[in-house]
Protein backbone atom coordinates (compact mmCIF):
# COMPACT_ATOMS: atom_id res chain seq x y z
CA UNK A 1 107.45 79.94 117.31
CA UNK A 2 110.08 77.25 117.72
CA UNK A 3 110.60 75.49 121.02
CA UNK A 4 113.47 76.80 123.16
CA UNK A 5 116.65 74.74 123.32
CA UNK A 6 117.92 74.04 126.85
CA UNK A 7 121.59 73.17 127.41
CA UNK A 8 122.87 72.60 130.94
CA UNK A 9 126.59 72.60 131.76
CA UNK A 10 126.90 70.65 135.00
CA UNK A 11 130.52 71.63 135.62
CA UNK A 12 129.82 75.38 135.59
CA UNK A 13 126.21 74.96 136.81
CA UNK A 14 125.01 77.10 133.89
CA UNK A 15 121.75 76.72 131.97
CA UNK A 16 121.72 78.12 128.44
CA UNK A 17 118.30 78.70 126.88
CA UNK A 18 118.21 79.55 123.20
CA UNK A 19 115.04 80.97 121.63
CA UNK A 20 116.61 81.81 118.26
CA UNK A 21 119.70 79.66 117.64
CA UNK A 22 122.29 81.39 115.46
CA UNK A 23 120.78 84.88 115.78
CA UNK A 24 123.06 87.72 116.86
CA UNK A 25 122.11 90.37 119.38
CA UNK A 26 122.91 92.45 122.42
CA UNK A 27 123.54 90.96 125.83
CA UNK A 28 122.70 92.56 129.15
CA UNK A 29 123.07 91.42 132.73
CA UNK A 30 119.63 91.40 134.39
CA UNK A 31 121.06 90.18 137.69
CA UNK A 32 124.46 88.84 138.68
CA UNK A 33 123.12 85.39 137.70
CA UNK A 34 120.87 86.05 134.69
CA UNK A 35 121.92 87.32 131.27
CA UNK A 36 119.51 88.21 128.45
CA UNK A 37 120.47 88.18 124.77
CA UNK A 38 118.08 90.02 122.47
CA UNK A 39 117.63 91.68 119.10
CA UNK A 40 117.03 95.33 119.96
CA UNK A 41 115.49 96.53 116.65
CA UNK A 42 113.03 93.60 116.59
CA UNK A 43 112.47 93.64 120.38
CA UNK A 44 112.96 89.87 120.29
CA UNK A 45 114.58 87.55 122.84
CA UNK A 46 117.40 85.40 121.52
CA UNK A 47 118.37 83.60 124.70
CA UNK A 48 118.99 83.49 128.43
CA UNK A 49 122.02 82.38 130.40
CA UNK A 50 121.38 81.33 134.00
CA UNK A 51 124.60 81.22 136.03
CA UNK A 52 124.66 79.11 139.20
CA UNK A 53 121.39 77.58 138.01
CA UNK A 54 121.03 75.25 141.01
CA UNK A 55 120.96 78.32 143.29
CA UNK A 56 118.37 80.09 141.12
CA UNK A 57 116.11 77.04 141.00
CA UNK A 58 116.44 76.22 144.71
CA UNK A 59 113.22 76.66 146.68
CA UNK A 60 113.10 78.35 150.06
CA UNK A 61 110.81 77.64 153.01
CA UNK A 62 108.63 80.50 151.76
CA UNK A 63 108.54 79.47 148.08
CA UNK A 64 110.65 80.21 145.00
CA UNK A 65 113.69 82.47 145.27
CA UNK A 66 113.38 85.91 143.73
CA UNK A 67 116.11 88.25 142.56
CA UNK A 68 116.10 92.02 142.04
CA UNK A 69 116.55 93.20 138.46
CA UNK A 70 119.64 95.21 139.34
CA UNK A 71 120.88 95.30 135.75
CA UNK A 72 118.10 97.65 134.67
CA UNK A 73 119.31 100.59 136.76
CA UNK A 74 122.27 101.41 134.49
CA UNK A 75 120.24 101.24 131.25
CA UNK A 76 118.70 104.19 129.45
CA UNK A 77 114.96 104.61 129.88
CA UNK A 78 114.43 103.52 126.26
CA UNK A 79 116.47 100.35 126.74
CA UNK A 80 114.71 99.61 130.05
CA UNK A 81 111.35 99.80 128.24
CA UNK A 82 112.56 97.44 125.50
CA UNK A 83 113.97 94.93 128.00
CA UNK A 84 110.85 94.99 130.20
CA UNK A 85 108.68 94.47 127.13
CA UNK A 86 110.77 91.44 126.11
CA UNK A 87 110.73 90.03 129.66
CA UNK A 88 106.95 90.21 129.92
CA UNK A 89 106.23 88.30 126.69
CA UNK A 90 106.79 84.71 125.60
CA UNK A 91 109.21 83.07 125.24
CA UNK A 92 110.97 84.78 128.18
CA UNK A 93 107.81 84.99 130.31
CA UNK A 94 107.52 81.20 129.95
CA UNK A 95 110.81 80.93 131.87
CA UNK A 96 110.99 84.02 134.09
CA UNK A 97 108.25 85.69 136.09
CA UNK A 98 108.56 89.45 136.60
CA UNK A 99 107.00 91.11 139.62
CA UNK A 100 107.84 93.90 142.04
CA UNK A 101 108.53 94.32 145.70
CA UNK A 102 107.20 97.52 147.26
CA UNK A 103 109.10 98.35 150.45
CA UNK A 104 107.33 101.73 150.70
CA UNK A 105 104.45 103.52 149.02
CA UNK A 106 106.84 105.51 146.85
CA UNK A 107 109.28 102.76 145.88
CA UNK A 108 108.91 99.63 143.75
CA UNK A 109 111.78 97.22 143.12
CA UNK A 110 111.39 94.93 140.10
CA UNK A 111 112.13 91.29 140.90
CA UNK A 112 112.16 88.04 138.94
CA UNK A 113 111.98 84.34 139.62
CA UNK A 114 112.16 81.15 137.59
CA UNK A 115 108.87 79.62 136.49
CA UNK A 116 108.25 76.09 137.80
CA UNK A 117 108.60 74.60 134.31
CA UNK A 118 112.36 75.25 134.15
């Protein structure tokens, strides 16, 4: 596996991470700040776009910021499974950590945060 390519645009505060430069794929919005590009048939990540990166990477008094995966709710169950599979494997899992917040015994909200290495 090749090393990811990181490109940061300071003016727009956007971090582009490419796992497969030149590859074409589908893009979905995971959160209002995080976009995933992937090859659906191969279930392979192509890249991530992190908008307002300085906000995403900013620590809080309680630790790293986390964000709900709101973009999954509008996807079909099949596409949700594909995306979650991609998110939980390298190279994406080297950048993003997926977890869940459980506000009640019957509800789990998937959340994500940036790994410290970013």
